[in-house]
Amino acid sequence: MSIFVNTKNEQEEKVLIAFLDSLDYKYQSDINDEPAEVEAAFLNEYNEDINQADKEIESGNFISHEDVEQLFEKRRKLI
């Protein structure tokens, strides 16, 4: 999963990076503000996520729609 964030200023960026570092998250912060470069980085990451999801589905690692409906039905009964 990927999240694209535009910070408002350098201070926000430093706080966000410190937070991500503290939780040992992987991130990419060297993207310029050039729209074409930002778009290319986003699309690249998005396509990688789609490819990974396809591999998981092909290997049988997914939840069927019926299973999801049953899960929500059980949760409704508990509430």
PDB file of N, CA and C in Angstrom:
ATOM      1  N   MET A   1       0.847  -1.171   0.000  1.00  0.00           N
ATOM      2  CA  MET A   1       0.000   0.000   0.000  1.00  0.00           C
ATOM      3  C   MET A   1       0.890   1.231   0.000  1.00  0.00           C
ATOM      4  N   SER A   2       0.452   2.231  -0.681  1.00  0.00           N
ATOM      5  CA  SER A   2       1.218   3.462  -0.783  1.00  0.00           C
ATOM      6  C   SER A   2       0.346   4.649  -0.436  1.00  0.00           C
ATOM      7  N   ILE A   3       1.003   5.646   0.113  1.00  0.00           N
ATOM      8  CA  ILE A   3       0.323   6.902   0.438  1.00  0.00           C
ATOM      9  C   ILE A   3       1.187   8.026  -0.107  1.00  0.00           C
ATOM     10  N   PHE A   4       0.570   8.927  -0.815  1.00  0.00           N
ATOM     11  CA  PHE A   4       1.273  10.083  -1.375  1.00  0.00           C
ATOM     12  C   PHE A   4       0.890  11.300  -0.537  1.00  0.00           C
ATOM     13  N   VAL A   5       1.881  12.002  -0.007  1.00  0.00           N
ATOM     14  CA  VAL A   5       1.622  13.126   0.886  1.00  0.00           C
ATOM     15  C   VAL A   5       2.350  14.365   0.391  1.00  0.00           C
ATOM     16  N   ASN A   6       1.635  15.468   0.325  1.00  0.00           N
ATOM     17  CA  ASN A   6       2.246  16.770   0.061  1.00  0.00           C
ATOM     18  C   ASN A   6       2.217  17.552   1.361  1.00  0.00           C
ATOM     19  N   THR A   7       3.380  17.834   1.904  1.00  0.00           N
ATOM     20  CA  THR A   7       3.433  18.624   3.128  1.00  0.00           C
ATOM     21  C   THR A   7       3.344  20.106   2.780  1.00  0.00           C
ATOM     22  N   LYS A   8       2.917  20.898   3.760  1.00  0.00           N
ATOM     23  CA  LYS A   8       2.738  22.334   3.531  1.00  0.00           C
ATOM     24  C   LYS A   8       4.044  23.104   3.634  1.00  0.00           C
ATOM     25  N   ASN A   9       4.963  22.585   4.450  1.00  0.00           N
ATOM     26  CA  ASN A   9       6.225  23.291   4.638  1.00  0.00           C
ATOM     27  C   ASN A   9       7.309  22.307   5.093  1.00  0.00           C
ATOM     28  N   GLU A  10       8.511  22.828   5.230  1.00  0.00           N
ATOM     29  CA  GLU A  10       9.655  21.979   5.585  1.00  0.00           C
ATOM     30  C   GLU A  10       9.504  21.398   6.990  1.00  0.00           C
ATOM     31  N   GLN A  11       8.939  22.156   7.914  1.00  0.00           N
ATOM     32  CA  GLN A  11       8.755  21.669   9.280  1.00  0.00           C
ATOM     33  C   GLN A  11       7.821  20.451   9.304  1.00  0.00           C
ATOM     34  N   GLU A  12       6.708  20.525   8.576  1.00  0.00           N
ATOM     35  CA  GLU A  12       5.801  19.389   8.496  1.00  0.00           C
ATOM     36  C   GLU A  12       6.506  18.170   7.909  1.00  0.00           C
ATOM     37  N   GLU A  13       7.318  18.402   6.889  1.00  0.00           N
ATOM     38  CA  GLU A  13       8.044  17.298   6.269  1.00  0.00           C
ATOM     39  C   GLU A  13       8.990  16.646   7.273  1.00  0.00           C
ATOM     40  N   LYS A  14       9.707  17.454   8.062  1.00  0.00           N
ATOM     41  CA  LYS A  14      10.629  16.911   9.058  1.00  0.00           C
ATOM     42  C   LYS A  14       9.889  16.097  10.111  1.00  0.00           C
ATOM     43  N   VAL A  15       8.741  16.577  10.554  1.00  0.00           N
ATOM     44  CA  VAL A  15       7.950  15.863  11.559  1.00  0.00           C
ATOM     45  C   VAL A  15       7.459  14.540  10.992  1.00  0.00           C
ATOM     46  N   LEU A  16       6.963  14.583   9.773  1.00  0.00           N
ATOM     47  CA  LEU A  16       6.467  13.366   9.142  1.00  0.00           C
ATOM     48  C   LEU A  16       7.590  12.351   8.957  1.00  0.00           C
ATOM     49  N   ILE A  17       8.739  12.796   8.496  1.00  0.00           N
ATOM     50  CA  ILE A  17       9.872  11.887   8.298  1.00  0.00           C
ATOM     51  C   ILE A  17      10.330  11.298   9.631  1.00  0.00           C
ATOM     52  N   ALA A  18      10.366  12.104  10.680  1.00  0.00           N
ATOM     53  CA  ALA A  18      10.748  11.593  11.997  1.00  0.00           C
ATOM     54  C   ALA A  18       9.761  10.532  12.479  1.00  0.00           C
ATOM     55  N   PHE A  19       8.473  10.775  12.244  1.00  0.00           N
ATOM     56  CA  PHE A  19       7.450   9.804  12.620  1.00  0.00           C
ATOM     57  C   PHE A  19       7.626   8.498  11.847  1.00  0.00           C
ATOM     58  N   LEU A  20       7.804   8.597  10.542  1.00  0.00           N
ATOM     59  CA  LEU A  20       7.983   7.399   9.723  1.00  0.00           C
ATOM     60  C   LEU A  20       9.237   6.638  10.127  1.00  0.00           C
ATOM     61  N   ASP A  21      10.306   7.366  10.396  1.00  0.00           N
ATOM     62  CA  ASP A  21      11.547   6.729  10.835  1.00  0.00           C
ATOM     63  C   ASP A  21      11.356   6.014  12.172  1.00  0.00           C
ATOM     64  N   SER A  22      10.619   6.650  13.086  1.00  0.00           N
ATOM     65  CA  SER A  22      10.437   6.066  14.420  1.00  0.00           C
ATOM     66  C   SER A  22       9.683   4.739  14.355  1.00  0.00           C
ATOM     67  N   LEU A  23       8.844   4.580  13.360  1.00  0.00           N
ATOM     68  CA  LEU A  23       8.095   3.331  13.193  1.00  0.00           C
ATOM     69  C   LEU A  23       8.731   2.397  12.175  1.00  0.00           C
ATOM     70  N   ASP A  24       9.899   2.787  11.673  1.00  0.00           N
ATOM     71  CA  ASP A  24      10.661   1.993  10.709  1.00  0.00           C
ATOM     72  C   ASP A  24       9.869   1.734   9.424  1.00  0.00           C
ATOM     73  N   TYR A  25       9.113   2.742   8.977  1.00  0.00           N
ATOM     74  CA  TYR A  25       8.391   2.652   7.710  1.00  0.00           C
ATOM     75  C   TYR A  25       9.338   2.949   6.558  1.00  0.00           C
ATOM     76  N   LYS A  26       9.095   2.303   5.441  1.00  0.00           N
ATOM     77  CA  LYS A  26       9.853   2.601   4.230  1.00  0.00           C
ATOM     78  C   LYS A  26       9.136   3.724   3.507  1.00  0.00           C
ATOM     79  N   TYR A  27       9.881   4.674   3.014  1.00  0.00           N
ATOM     80  CA  TYR A  27       9.273   5.787   2.290  1.00  0.00           C
ATOM     81  C   TYR A  27      10.271   6.351   1.296  1.00  0.00           C
ATOM     82  N   GLN A  28       9.755   7.138   0.384  1.00  0.00           N
ATOM     83  CA  GLN A  28      10.585   7.781  -0.622  1.00  0.00           C
ATOM     84  C   GLN A  28      10.359   9.278  -0.506  1.00  0.00           C
ATOM     85  N   SER A  29      11.410  10.024  -0.247  1.00  0.00           N
ATOM     86  CA  SER A  29      11.239  11.465  -0.049  1.00  0.00           C
ATOM     87  C   SER A  29      12.030  12.309  -1.036  1.00  0.00           C
ATOM     88  N   ASP A  30      12.627  11.687  -2.014  1.00  0.00           N
ATOM     89  CA  ASP A  30      13.479  12.432  -2.940  1.00  0.00           C
ATOM     90  C   ASP A  30      12.779  12.786  -4.245  1.00  0.00           C
ATOM     91  N   ILE A  31      11.470  12.879  -4.221  1.00  0.00           N
ATOM     92  CA  ILE A  31      10.721  13.218  -5.424  1.00  0.00           C
ATOM     93  C   ILE A  31      10.647  14.735  -5.535  1.00  0.00           C
ATOM     94  N   ASN A  32      11.005  15.265  -6.688  1.00  0.00           N
ATOM     95  CA  ASN A  32      10.922  16.709  -6.914  1.00  0.00           C
ATOM     96  C   ASN A  32       9.468  17.143  -7.016  1.00  0.00           C
ATOM     97  N   ASP A  33       9.266  18.443  -7.015  1.00  0.00           N
ATOM     98  CA  ASP A  33       7.917  18.981  -7.156  1.00  0.00           C
ATOM     99  C   ASP A  33       7.475  19.077  -8.612  1.00  0.00           C
ATOM    100  N   GLU A  34       8.264  18.550  -9.512  1.00  0.00           N
ATOM    101  CA  GLU A  34       7.890  18.560 -10.921  1.00  0.00           C
ATOM    102  C   GLU A  34       6.686  17.645 -11.117  1.00  0.00           C
ATOM    103  N   PRO A  35       5.589  18.160 -11.648  1.00  0.00           N
ATOM    104  CA  PRO A  35       4.379  17.338 -11.801  1.00  0.00           C
ATOM    105  C   PRO A  35       4.613  16.029 -12.546  1.00  0.00           C
ATOM    106  N   ALA A  36       5.402  16.060 -13.582  1.00  0.00           N
ATOM    107  CA  ALA A  36       5.640  14.845 -14.365  1.00  0.00           C
ATOM    108  C   ALA A  36       6.388  13.805 -13.538  1.00  0.00           C
ATOM    109  N   GLU A  37       7.339  14.251 -12.732  1.00  0.00           N
ATOM    110  CA  GLU A  37       8.110  13.322 -11.910  1.00  0.00           C
ATOM    111  C   GLU A  37       7.256  12.756 -10.775  1.00  0.00           C
ATOM    112  N   VAL A  38       6.442  13.597 -10.169  1.00  0.00           N
ATOM    113  CA  VAL A  38       5.543  13.140  -9.108  1.00  0.00           C
ATOM    114  C   VAL A  38       4.556  12.122  -9.669  1.00  0.00           C
ATOM    115  N   GLU A  39       3.992  12.436 -10.829  1.00  0.00           N
ATOM    116  CA  GLU A  39       3.033  11.531 -11.464  1.00  0.00           C
ATOM    117  C   GLU A  39       3.692  10.209 -11.815  1.00  0.00           C
ATOM    118  N   ALA A  40       4.885  10.249 -12.351  1.00  0.00           N
ATOM    119  CA  ALA A  40       5.586   9.021 -12.733  1.00  0.00           C
ATOM    120  C   ALA A  40       5.880   8.159 -11.504  1.00  0.00           C
ATOM    121  N   ALA A  41       6.307   8.777 -10.410  1.00  0.00           N
ATOM    122  CA  ALA A  41       6.588   8.025  -9.187  1.00  0.00           C
ATOM    123  C   ALA A  41       5.320   7.396  -8.636  1.00  0.00           C
ATOM    124  N   PHE A  42       4.224   8.161  -8.645  1.00  0.00           N
ATOM    125  CA  PHE A  42       2.955   7.636  -8.159  1.00  0.00           C
ATOM    126  C   PHE A  42       2.486   6.468  -9.019  1.00  0.00           C
ATOM    127  N   LEU A  43       2.523   6.635 -10.327  1.00  0.00           N
ATOM    128  CA  LEU A  43       2.070   5.573 -11.223  1.00  0.00           C
ATOM    129  C   LEU A  43       2.930   4.325 -11.102  1.00  0.00           C
ATOM    130  N   ASN A  44       4.221   4.506 -10.935  1.00  0.00           N
ATOM    131  CA  ASN A  44       5.117   3.369 -10.769  1.00  0.00           C
ATOM    132  C   ASN A  44       4.750   2.579  -9.511  1.00  0.00           C
ATOM    133  N   GLU A  45       4.567   3.280  -8.410  1.00  0.00           N
ATOM    134  CA  GLU A  45       4.205   2.635  -7.150  1.00  0.00           C
ATOM    135  C   GLU A  45       2.827   1.987  -7.252  1.00  0.00           C
ATOM    136  N   TYR A  46       1.892   2.676  -7.868  1.00  0.00           N
ATOM    137  CA  TYR A  46       0.539   2.153  -8.052  1.00  0.00           C
ATOM    138  C   TYR A  46       0.565   0.857  -8.866  1.00  0.00           C
ATOM    139  N   ASN A  47       1.320   0.856  -9.953  1.00  0.00           N
ATOM    140  CA  ASN A  47       1.418  -0.343 -10.789  1.00  0.00           C
ATOM    141  C   ASN A  47       2.074  -1.496 -10.042  1.00  0.00           C
ATOM    142  N   GLU A  48       3.066  -1.198  -9.211  1.00  0.00           N
ATOM    143  CA  GLU A  48       3.692  -2.246  -8.409  1.00  0.00           C
ATOM    144  C   GLU A  48       2.685  -2.847  -7.429  1.00  0.00           C
ATOM    145  N   ASP A  49       1.854  -1.995  -6.815  1.00  0.00           N
ATOM    146  CA  ASP A  49       0.820  -2.484  -5.903  1.00  0.00           C
ATOM    147  C   ASP A  49      -0.179  -3.378  -6.633  1.00  0.00           C
ATOM    148  N   ILE A  50      -0.587  -2.967  -7.823  1.00  0.00           N
ATOM    149  CA  ILE A  50      -1.526  -3.771  -8.622  1.00  0.00           C
ATOM    150  C   ILE A  50      -0.903  -5.118  -8.986  1.00  0.00           C
ATOM    151  N   ASN A  51       0.352  -5.105  -9.402  1.00  0.00           N
ATOM    152  CA  ASN A  51       1.034  -6.358  -9.751  1.00  0.00           C
ATOM    153  C   ASN A  51       1.133  -7.286  -8.548  1.00  0.00           C
ATOM    154  N   GLN A  52       1.431  -6.736  -7.384  1.00  0.00           N
ATOM    155  CA  GLN A  52       1.511  -7.544  -6.164  1.00  0.00           C
ATOM    156  C   GLN A  52       0.141  -8.139  -5.828  1.00  0.00           C
ATOM    157  N   ALA A  53      -0.907  -7.331  -5.956  1.00  0.00           N
ATOM    158  CA  ALA A  53      -2.260  -7.829  -5.687  1.00  0.00           C
ATOM    159  C   ALA A  53      -2.628  -8.946  -6.658  1.00  0.00           C
ATOM    160  N   ASP A  54      -2.285  -8.786  -7.930  1.00  0.00           N
ATOM    161  CA  ASP A  54      -2.553  -9.827  -8.921  1.00  0.00           C
ATOM    162  C   ASP A  54      -1.849 -11.130  -8.546  1.00  0.00           C
ATOM    163  N   LYS A  55      -0.606 -11.045  -8.098  1.00  0.00           N
ATOM    164  CA  LYS A  55       0.144 -12.240  -7.699  1.00  0.00           C
ATOM    165  C   LYS A  55      -0.519 -12.927  -6.516  1.00  0.00           C
ATOM    166  N   GLU A  56      -0.991 -12.136  -5.550  1.00  0.00           N
ATOM    167  CA  GLU A  56      -1.659 -12.717  -4.393  1.00  0.00           C
ATOM    168  C   GLU A  56      -2.953 -13.411  -4.794  1.00  0.00           C
ATOM    169  N   ILE A  57      -3.700 -12.802  -5.674  1.00  0.00           N
ATOM    170  CA  ILE A  57      -4.948 -13.415  -6.143  1.00  0.00           C
ATOM    171  C   ILE A  57      -4.655 -14.710  -6.892  1.00  0.00           C
ATOM    172  N   GLU A  58      -3.650 -14.687  -7.764  1.00  0.00           N
ATOM    173  CA  GLU A  58      -3.290 -15.883  -8.533  1.00  0.00           C
ATOM    174  C   GLU A  58      -2.851 -17.028  -7.621  1.00  0.00           C
ATOM    175  N   SER A  59      -2.228 -16.689  -6.480  1.00  0.00           N
ATOM    176  CA  SER A  59      -1.779 -17.730  -5.557  1.00  0.00           C
ATOM    177  C   SER A  59      -2.881 -18.161  -4.587  1.00  0.00           C
ATOM    178  N   GLY A  60      -4.068 -17.572  -4.726  1.00  0.00           N
ATOM    179  CA  GLY A  60      -5.201 -17.960  -3.887  1.00  0.00           C
ATOM    180  C   GLY A  60      -5.281 -17.214  -2.575  1.00  0.00           C
ATOM    181  N   ASN A  61      -4.499 -16.177  -2.411  1.00  0.00           N
ATOM    182  CA  ASN A  61      -4.472 -15.402  -1.174  1.00  0.00           C
ATOM    183  C   ASN A  61      -5.453 -14.236  -1.284  1.00  0.00           C
ATOM    184  N   PHE A  62      -6.738 -14.535  -1.082  1.00  0.00           N
ATOM    185  CA  PHE A  62      -7.755 -13.496  -1.151  1.00  0.00           C
ATOM    186  C   PHE A  62      -8.977 -13.961  -0.362  1.00  0.00           C
ATOM    187  N   ILE A  63      -9.899 -13.058  -0.116  1.00  0.00           N
ATOM    188  CA  ILE A  63     -11.144 -13.367   0.582  1.00  0.00           C
ATOM    189  C   ILE A  63     -12.280 -13.217  -0.420  1.00  0.00           C
ATOM    190  N   SER A  64     -13.140 -14.203  -0.472  1.00  0.00           N
ATOM    191  CA  SER A  64     -14.253 -14.136  -1.416  1.00  0.00           C
ATOM    192  C   SER A  64     -15.300 -13.126  -0.946  1.00  0.00           C
ATOM    193  N   HIS A  65     -16.096 -12.677  -1.870  1.00  0.00           N
ATOM    194  CA  HIS A  65     -17.147 -11.718  -1.556  1.00  0.00           C
ATOM    195  C   HIS A  65     -18.125 -12.307  -0.538  1.00  0.00           C
ATOM    196  N   GLU A  66     -18.449 -13.569  -0.689  1.00  0.00           N
ATOM    197  CA  GLU A  66     -19.373 -14.234   0.232  1.00  0.00           C
ATOM    198  C   GLU A  66     -18.809 -14.258   1.654  1.00  0.00           C
ATOM    199  N   ASP A  67     -17.506 -14.495   1.793  1.00  0.00           N
ATOM    200  CA  ASP A  67     -16.879 -14.496   3.117  1.00  0.00           C
ATOM    201  C   ASP A  67     -16.942 -13.122   3.761  1.00  0.00           C
ATOM    202  N   VAL A  68     -16.766 -12.086   2.971  1.00  0.00           N
ATOM    203  CA  VAL A  68     -16.848 -10.717   3.485  1.00  0.00           C
ATOM    204  C   VAL A  68     -18.275 -10.420   3.948  1.00  0.00           C
ATOM    205  N   GLU A  69     -19.260 -10.842   3.161  1.00  0.00           N
ATOM    206  CA  GLU A  69     -20.654 -10.632   3.557  1.00  0.00           C
ATOM    207  C   GLU A  69     -20.962 -11.355   4.860  1.00  0.00           C
ATOM    208  N   GLN A  70     -20.482 -12.569   5.028  1.00  0.00           N
ATOM    209  CA  GLN A  70     -20.702 -13.313   6.265  1.00  0.00           C
ATOM    210  C   GLN A  70     -20.032 -12.629   7.454  1.00  0.00           C
ATOM    211  N   LEU A  71     -18.833 -12.107   7.241  1.00  0.00           N
ATOM    212  CA  LEU A  71     -18.127 -11.393   8.306  1.00  0.00           C
ATOM    213  C   LEU A  71     -18.933 -10.188   8.772  1.00  0.00           C
ATOM    214  N   PHE A  72     -19.449  -9.403   7.822  1.00  0.00           N
ATOM    215  CA  PHE A  72     -20.230  -8.228   8.203  1.00  0.00           C
ATOM    216  C   PHE A  72     -21.553  -8.627   8.860  1.00  0.00           C
ATOM    217  N   GLU A  73     -22.145  -9.694   8.414  1.00  0.00           N
ATOM    218  CA  GLU A  73     -23.385 -10.171   9.023  1.00  0.00           C
ATOM    219  C   GLU A  73     -23.151 -10.553  10.475  1.00  0.00           C
ATOM    220  N   LYS A  74     -22.050 -11.248  10.742  1.00  0.00           N
ATOM    221  CA  LYS A  74     -21.712 -11.623  12.125  1.00  0.00           C
ATOM    222  C   LYS A  74     -21.455 -10.389  12.973  1.00  0.00           C
ATOM    223  N   ARG A  75     -20.778  -9.396  12.399  1.00  0.00           N
ATOM    224  CA  ARG A  75     -20.493  -8.168  13.154  1.00  0.00           C
ATOM    225  C   ARG A  75     -21.785  -7.430  13.490  1.00  0.00           C
ATOM    226  N   ARG A  76     -22.749  -7.421  12.567  1.00  0.00           N
ATOM    227  CA  ARG A  76     -24.025  -6.762  12.837  1.00  0.00           C
ATOM    228  C   ARG A  76     -24.748  -7.425  14.001  1.00  0.00           C
ATOM    229  N   LYS A  77     -24.680  -8.741  14.068  1.00  0.00           N
ATOM    230  CA  LYS A  77     -25.355  -9.470  15.140  1.00  0.00           C
ATOM    231  C   LYS A  77     -24.743  -9.154  16.501  1.00  0.00           C
ATOM    232  N   LEU A  78     -23.450  -8.870  16.536  1.00  0.00           N
ATOM    233  CA  LEU A  78     -22.780  -8.563  17.796  1.00  0.00           C
ATOM    234  C   LEU A  78     -23.109  -7.162  18.297  1.00  0.00           C
ATOM    235  N   ILE A  79     -23.485  -6.282  17.401  1.00  0.00           N
ATOM    236  CA  ILE A  79     -23.785  -4.885  17.780  1.00  0.00           C
ATOM    237  C   ILE A  79     -25.149  -4.780  18.263  1.00  0.00           C
TER     238      ILE A  79
END
